Amino acid sequence: MRTLFGAALSGTLLGLCGPVFAQSSTDDALNGCLQAAKQQHQGIVTGWTVEHGAAGPGFEISMVGPQDRSWKLDCRNGTLAGVEGRLGGRDYQMLSSRKSVPEASARATAATAITYSKMQKMAYSLTWLGRPYYRYYFTTEDGRTAQVDVNAETGKIDRMSSERLSSWW
């Protein structure tokens, strides 16, 4: 009986840790791209999207900087390939003053919430009440999309949801 319980418990714990280990190479590549983006432009990251290609994962990164200038950057292997800038659209002062939890920490929290999935996208924004949050989007192995909102002030999960993309019946 103890052996069965121990095996079930270890299988559950391994299942919870699975996404963290599976995402580590993508996570390392993303961290490299985010660091390169922050070195090129002063500001905060307001979103990123994973783009899978033959040369490995690439990322489209959105940033906002002082004077509310926005940038969209393409990144592969830690190297920025394309940069597109424009004025207006986001309030840098408001977005930068409200968060206290680093995005990488919020990403790790969100990754443990949805097992057997791939993180696809992050968006940083404010609720209509002005509370900052990171919203992460996942695709799961069983054909669902999932969304996790991590509070950018506390680092805790505020909301989770998932839905099936299509049904077979």
Protein backbone atom coordinates (compact mmCIF):
# COMPACT_ATOMS: atom_id res chain seq x y z
CA MET A 1 0.00 0.00 0.00
CA ARG A 2 2.79 2.44 0.88
CA THR A 3 4.55 1.61 -2.38
CA LEU A 4 1.42 2.38 -4.40
CA PHE A 5 0.89 5.65 -2.55
CA GLY A 6 4.56 6.60 -2.95
CA ALA A 7 4.48 5.85 -6.67
CA ALA A 8 1.28 7.84 -7.13
CA LEU A 9 2.68 10.76 -5.16
CA SER A 10 5.97 10.82 -7.05
CA GLY A 11 4.11 10.60 -10.37
CA THR A 12 1.96 13.55 -9.34
CA LEU A 13 4.97 15.59 -8.28
CA LEU A 14 6.83 14.75 -11.49
CA GLY A 15 3.76 15.76 -13.48
CA LEU A 16 3.71 19.14 -11.75
CA CYS A 17 7.40 19.68 -12.45
CA GLY A 18 7.17 18.51 -16.06
CA PRO A 19 6.33 21.85 -17.70
CA VAL A 20 9.17 23.63 -15.90
CA PHE A 21 11.79 21.21 -17.24
CA ALA A 22 10.22 21.00 -20.71
CA GLN A 23 10.20 24.77 -21.06
CA SER A 24 13.75 25.39 -19.76
CA SER A 25 15.44 25.77 -23.19
CA THR A 26 12.65 28.05 -24.42
CA ASP A 27 12.80 29.92 -21.12
CA ASP A 28 16.57 30.42 -21.47
CA ALA A 29 16.14 31.69 -25.05
CA LEU A 30 13.35 34.03 -23.94
CA ASN A 31 15.44 35.40 -21.07
CA GLY A 32 18.31 36.07 -23.52
CA CYS A 33 15.99 37.91 -25.89
CA LEU A 34 14.42 39.96 -23.09
CA GLN A 35 17.86 40.96 -21.85
CA ALA A 36 18.92 41.99 -25.37
CA ALA A 37 15.71 44.03 -25.78
CA LYS A 38 16.25 45.85 -22.48
CA GLN A 39 19.85 46.63 -23.44
CA GLN A 40 18.74 48.17 -26.73
CA HIS A 41 15.74 50.13 -25.38
CA GLN A 42 15.01 51.69 -22.03
CA GLY A 43 11.56 50.62 -20.89
CA ILE A 44 9.46 47.70 -19.72
CA VAL A 45 8.32 44.60 -21.55
CA THR A 46 4.55 44.63 -22.05
CA GLY A 47 4.29 41.36 -23.93
CA TRP A 48 5.97 38.56 -25.81
CA THR A 49 4.87 35.77 -28.11
CA VAL A 50 6.72 32.53 -28.87
CA GLU A 51 7.23 31.87 -32.59
CA HIS A 52 8.37 28.32 -33.34
CA GLY A 53 10.56 27.91 -36.39
CA ALA A 54 13.13 25.60 -37.94
CA ALA A 55 15.99 27.48 -36.25
CA GLY A 56 14.42 27.08 -32.80
CA PRO A 57 12.13 29.36 -30.85
CA GLY A 58 11.91 33.02 -31.74
CA PHE A 59 10.04 35.76 -29.98
CA GLU A 60 8.11 38.88 -30.79
CA ILE A 61 8.60 41.29 -27.89
CA SER A 62 6.56 44.43 -27.14
CA MET A 63 8.00 47.21 -25.00
CA VAL A 64 7.00 50.67 -23.85
CA GLY A 65 9.49 53.32 -22.79
CA PRO A 66 9.67 56.87 -21.54
CA GLN A 67 7.61 59.38 -23.48
CA ASP A 68 5.22 56.43 -24.07
CA ARG A 69 7.22 55.23 -27.06
CA SER A 70 6.40 51.63 -28.05
CA TRP A 71 8.59 49.05 -29.78
CA LYS A 72 8.02 45.68 -31.37
CA LEU A 73 11.15 43.57 -31.59
CA ASP A 74 11.82 40.23 -33.26
CA CYS A 75 14.42 38.06 -31.58
CA ARG A 76 16.12 34.74 -32.43
CA ASN A 77 18.85 33.12 -30.33
CA GLY A 78 19.34 36.23 -28.19
CA THR A 79 19.83 38.47 -31.24
CA LEU A 80 17.37 41.19 -32.19
CA ALA A 81 16.52 40.93 -35.87
CA GLY A 82 13.86 43.55 -36.49
CA VAL A 83 12.80 46.63 -34.57
CA GLU A 84 9.66 48.64 -35.22
CA GLY A 85 8.94 51.77 -33.16
CA ARG A 86 5.98 54.09 -32.82
CA LEU A 87 4.75 56.84 -30.55
CA GLY A 88 1.87 56.62 -28.10
CA GLY A 89 -0.50 53.87 -27.14
CA ARG A 90 0.64 52.87 -23.63
CA ASP A 91 1.29 54.87 -20.45
CA TYR A 92 4.88 54.04 -19.40
CA GLN A 93 4.70 55.85 -16.06
CA MET A 94 1.54 54.08 -14.96
CA LEU A 95 2.67 50.63 -16.13
CA SER A 96 6.17 50.88 -14.66
CA SER A 97 5.13 52.28 -11.27
CA ARG A 98 2.59 49.58 -10.40
CA LYS A 99 4.46 46.29 -10.74
CA SER A 100 6.74 44.91 -8.05
CA VAL A 101 7.09 41.25 -9.10
CA PRO A 102 9.62 40.51 -11.87
CA GLU A 103 8.12 38.95 -14.99
CA ALA A 104 10.41 35.90 -14.79
CA SER A 105 9.08 35.12 -11.32
CA ALA A 106 5.47 35.49 -12.46
CA ARG A 107 6.26 33.26 -15.47
CA ALA A 108 7.56 30.51 -13.17
CA THR A 109 4.40 30.76 -11.04
CA ALA A 110 2.15 30.51 -14.09
CA ALA A 111 4.11 27.55 -15.51
CA THR A 112 3.47 25.47 -12.40
CA ALA A 113 -0.28 26.15 -12.58
CA ILE A 114 -0.95 24.45 -15.93
CA THR A 115 0.65 21.01 -16.31
CA TYR A 116 1.53 19.37 -19.63
CA SER A 117 1.37 22.57 -21.62
CA LYS A 118 3.42 25.05 -23.64
CA MET A 119 3.49 28.71 -22.73
CA GLN A 120 2.79 30.75 -25.87
CA LYS A 121 2.32 34.37 -24.89
CA MET A 122 2.49 36.97 -22.11
CA ALA A 123 0.73 40.32 -21.86
CA TYR A 124 1.32 42.83 -19.05
CA SER A 125 -1.53 45.21 -18.39
CA LEU A 126 -3.73 46.86 -15.78
CA THR A 127 -7.27 45.95 -14.73
CA TRP A 128 -9.95 48.60 -15.01
CA LEU A 129 -9.30 49.28 -11.30
CA GLY A 130 -5.61 49.90 -12.02
CA ARG A 131 -4.20 46.64 -10.61
CA PRO A 132 -1.24 45.28 -12.61
CA TYR A 133 -1.17 41.68 -13.81
CA TYR A 134 0.69 39.37 -16.15
CA ARG A 135 -1.54 37.24 -18.35
CA TYR A 136 -0.04 34.03 -19.71
CA TYR A 137 -1.53 31.94 -22.51
CA PHE A 138 -0.88 28.20 -22.87
CA THR A 139 -1.74 25.36 -25.22
CA THR A 140 -2.19 22.01 -23.50
CA GLU A 141 -1.47 18.50 -24.72
CA ASP A 142 -5.17 17.59 -24.56
CA GLY A 143 -6.20 20.31 -27.04
CA ARG A 144 -7.20 23.15 -24.73
CA THR A 145 -6.08 26.74 -24.44
CA ALA A 146 -5.49 28.03 -20.94
CA GLN A 147 -4.99 31.43 -19.44
CA VAL A 148 -3.36 32.34 -16.10
CA ASP A 149 -3.42 35.83 -14.56
CA VAL A 150 -0.61 36.50 -12.08
CA ASN A 151 -0.93 39.58 -9.87
CA ALA A 152 2.12 41.80 -10.55
CA GLU A 153 2.04 43.22 -7.02
CA THR A 154 1.77 39.97 -5.03
CA GLY A 155 3.08 37.31 -7.44
CA LYS A 156 0.05 35.11 -6.76
CA ILE A 157 -2.37 33.66 -9.27
CA ASP A 158 -5.55 35.73 -9.44
CA ARG A 159 -7.44 33.76 -12.08
CA MET A 160 -7.14 30.67 -14.28
CA SER A 161 -9.33 29.45 -17.11
CA SER A 162 -9.20 26.98 -19.96
CA GLU A 163 -11.35 25.96 -22.89
CA ARG A 164 -11.30 23.27 -25.50
CA LEU A 165 -10.37 24.47 -28.98
CA SER A 166 -12.49 21.86 -30.71
CA SER A 167 -14.47 18.82 -29.72
CA TRP A 168 -14.59 15.48 -31.40
CA TRP A 169 -18.26 14.84 -30.71
